[in-house]
């Protein structure tokens, strides 16, 4: 697993950001209960993206 403290900066256009958010939402829709850790990580990421 990657270093939890490492960060990456990525510049996205508004259209690209919408695409990333939609892709994450679609991924959430496909995950099941056994993927709880990933679900929580994606939800947290979506919350951060919404605040950006």
C-alpha atoms as a PDB file:
ATOM      1  CA  UNK A   1       0.000   0.000   0.000  1.00  0.00           C
ATOM      2  CA  UNK A   2       1.184   3.526  -0.748  1.00  0.00           C
ATOM      3  CA  UNK A   3       2.553   5.825   1.924  1.00  0.00           C
ATOM      4  CA  UNK A   4      -0.502   7.410   3.588  1.00  0.00           C
ATOM      5  CA  UNK A   5       1.332  10.724   4.088  1.00  0.00           C
ATOM      6  CA  UNK A   6       2.462  11.166   0.489  1.00  0.00           C
ATOM      7  CA  UNK A   7       0.501  13.654  -1.591  1.00  0.00           C
ATOM      8  CA  UNK A   8       0.170  14.339  -5.283  1.00  0.00           C
ATOM      9  CA  UNK A   9      -0.973  17.566  -6.879  1.00  0.00           C
ATOM     10  CA  UNK A  10      -3.003  17.277 -10.053  1.00  0.00           C
ATOM     11  CA  UNK A  11      -4.559  20.160 -11.938  1.00  0.00           C
ATOM     12  CA  UNK A  12      -7.901  19.330 -13.542  1.00  0.00           C
ATOM     13  CA  UNK A  13     -10.285  21.382 -15.626  1.00  0.00           C
ATOM     14  CA  UNK A  14     -13.858  21.652 -14.368  1.00  0.00           C
ATOM     15  CA  UNK A  15     -14.906  19.069 -16.948  1.00  0.00           C
ATOM     16  CA  UNK A  16     -12.167  16.674 -15.881  1.00  0.00           C
ATOM     17  CA  UNK A  17     -13.132  17.105 -12.217  1.00  0.00           C
ATOM     18  CA  UNK A  18     -16.746  16.258 -13.069  1.00  0.00           C
ATOM     19  CA  UNK A  19     -15.541  13.133 -14.865  1.00  0.00           C
ATOM     20  CA  UNK A  20     -13.459  12.029 -11.872  1.00  0.00           C
ATOM     21  CA  UNK A  21     -16.337  12.615  -9.453  1.00  0.00           C
ATOM     22  CA  UNK A  22     -18.786  10.718 -11.670  1.00  0.00           C
ATOM     23  CA  UNK A  23     -16.338   7.835 -12.046  1.00  0.00           C
ATOM     24  CA  UNK A  24     -15.939   7.618  -8.261  1.00  0.00           C
ATOM     25  CA  UNK A  25     -19.727   7.636  -7.819  1.00  0.00           C
ATOM     26  CA  UNK A  26     -20.069   4.855 -10.386  1.00  0.00           C
ATOM     27  CA  UNK A  27     -17.388   2.854  -8.587  1.00  0.00           C
ATOM     28  CA  UNK A  28     -19.250   3.283  -5.288  1.00  0.00           C
ATOM     29  CA  UNK A  29     -22.394   1.927  -6.925  1.00  0.00           C
ATOM     30  CA  UNK A  30     -20.576  -1.287  -7.856  1.00  0.00           C
ATOM     31  CA  UNK A  31     -18.944  -2.019  -4.500  1.00  0.00           C
ATOM     32  CA  UNK A  32     -20.481  -4.381  -1.977  1.00  0.00           C
ATOM     33  CA  UNK A  33     -20.362  -4.713   1.795  1.00  0.00           C
ATOM     34  CA  UNK A  34     -17.132  -6.674   1.619  1.00  0.00           C
ATOM     35  CA  UNK A  35     -15.509  -3.537   0.199  1.00  0.00           C
ATOM     36  CA  UNK A  36     -16.283  -1.366   3.245  1.00  0.00           C
ATOM     37  CA  UNK A  37     -12.749   0.044   3.522  1.00  0.00           C
ATOM     38  CA  UNK A  38     -12.735   1.174  -0.099  1.00  0.00           C
ATOM     39  CA  UNK A  39     -16.247   2.594   0.240  1.00  0.00           C
ATOM     40  CA  UNK A  40     -15.177   4.757   3.175  1.00  0.00           C
ATOM     41  CA  UNK A  41     -12.061   5.954   1.364  1.00  0.00           C
ATOM     42  CA  UNK A  42     -14.015   6.880  -1.762  1.00  0.00           C
ATOM     43  CA  UNK A  43     -16.682   8.676   0.281  1.00  0.00           C
ATOM     44  CA  UNK A  44     -13.989  10.670   2.081  1.00  0.00           C
ATOM     45  CA  UNK A  45     -12.330  11.531  -1.233  1.00  0.00           C
ATOM     46  CA  UNK A  46     -15.646  12.665  -2.729  1.00  0.00           C
ATOM     47  CA  UNK A  47     -16.205  14.898   0.315  1.00  0.00           C
ATOM     48  CA  UNK A  48     -12.759  16.457  -0.158  1.00  0.00           C
ATOM     49  CA  UNK A  49     -13.383  17.001  -3.856  1.00  0.00           C
ATOM     50  CA  UNK A  50     -16.738  18.645  -3.134  1.00  0.00           C
ATOM     51  CA  UNK A  51     -15.016  21.085  -0.774  1.00  0.00           C
ATOM     52  CA  UNK A  52     -12.336  21.966  -3.338  1.00  0.00           C
END
